[in-house]
């Protein structure tokens, strides 16, 4: 009896050691969710016209279809909140999620903790596309879309496509070659951007303003355009997160396990580039989010990319 009791006690010991970190991790995720909710609340409350946070919460609750709450706030508050501030907050949240997920993907793909979403030239290409649209004097809208975000989006995609084509050696695209090609093409795109700005001093200020990043867009239209690309891209990255974990071993070991490494790399690069280009097109060049946030999440949730 004593031997059985000791054996049972020994078998239960790992569970007692493992569960507390799991509970702590779950608590940290809950706290992160609460922090995100608080950030949204403060982002909607703070501005030129101050709206008390409790009033913001009441206005949000009053919009629920199954509740009927009498308005105890000015009508201008609703216009400011639902037509100006909430679209900006939603755009910020989508951009942050896109850059953070892309940064984590690139760090895992290149096995480099200093990698960020702009490593292989998407930012340089987007900057070139936006500067070209600003300085050449293209129409303000094309197909009902603002031409500057559209040009930035296409510029980012075309630049990364060129990088992948240059980096391919036969049927493979080595990680080191991808990085080197990205640096080279990105530098060339930056040079063209500088030349365009010097050619058009009038457009230089607008181009610099776009590159510095910002969320001055008003209305839900940019959010409706951006959300499908980001949501679908994040879903694809989540599906491939398990395979990205396998890729952390080594490319050769991943091949021995039956993984099509080249197809996986191209899929991850294409998806992360699509998500990053979408974020950059609407928010400009927002720095450090794609580099720092993946490290913070690894401290909270561990190295598993599925988290």
Foldseek 3Di string as FASTA:
>chain_A
DVVVVVVVVVVCVVVVVPVVLVVQLVVVVVVVVVVLVVVLLVQLQDDPDGDDSVLVVVVVVCPDPVDHDDDPDDPVSVCSRVWFRNLLSLLVVLLLLLFQLLLLLLCLLLVNLQGGLCQQALQLQLLLQLLCCQLVPDDQDDPRHGRNLVRSLVRSLVSLVVLQVQQDDPLARDSVSSRVSSVVSSVVSNVSSVVSCVVGVVSVVVSVVLQVWDRRDTGNVLVVVLVVLSVVLVVVSLVCLVVSVVCNVDPVVSVVVVDPSRVSSVVSNNSSSSSNSSSCSNTHNDPDSSNPVNVVVCVSPNSRSND
